[in-house]
């Protein structure tokens, strides 16, 4: 994976916490393939529109939460994984999980989300 691909992964991460819809929509167009597939334990989404709706709904459900990394991004070939947490400033790890991402032609083609079980 090249440095530009790592930058795409970092932008992916920032996009999920971006609350400005215009900026988020522009980021999605730059970071994700037009036919991106998002696979989560609770849903499957395809394409920019469904991804943007998914992020907006998540932000509406958790208005004071943001994503932060738990570990450095790991990558090899065209695949990366990142460990994240979602929460507020007082409880930054209300939810935790891991994303597995494939990059093709400089954009994210597939995003597979794993959510850690609650204790």
Foldseek 3Di string as FASTA:
>chain_A
DDPLLVVLVVLVQVLLFDPPLVVSLVNCVQAADQFAWEAEPVDIDTGSVRVSVVSNVVCVVPVQKGKDFPDDWDDDDQKIKTKIAIDHPVCNRPWIWMWIFGDDPSHTRYIYIDTDDDD
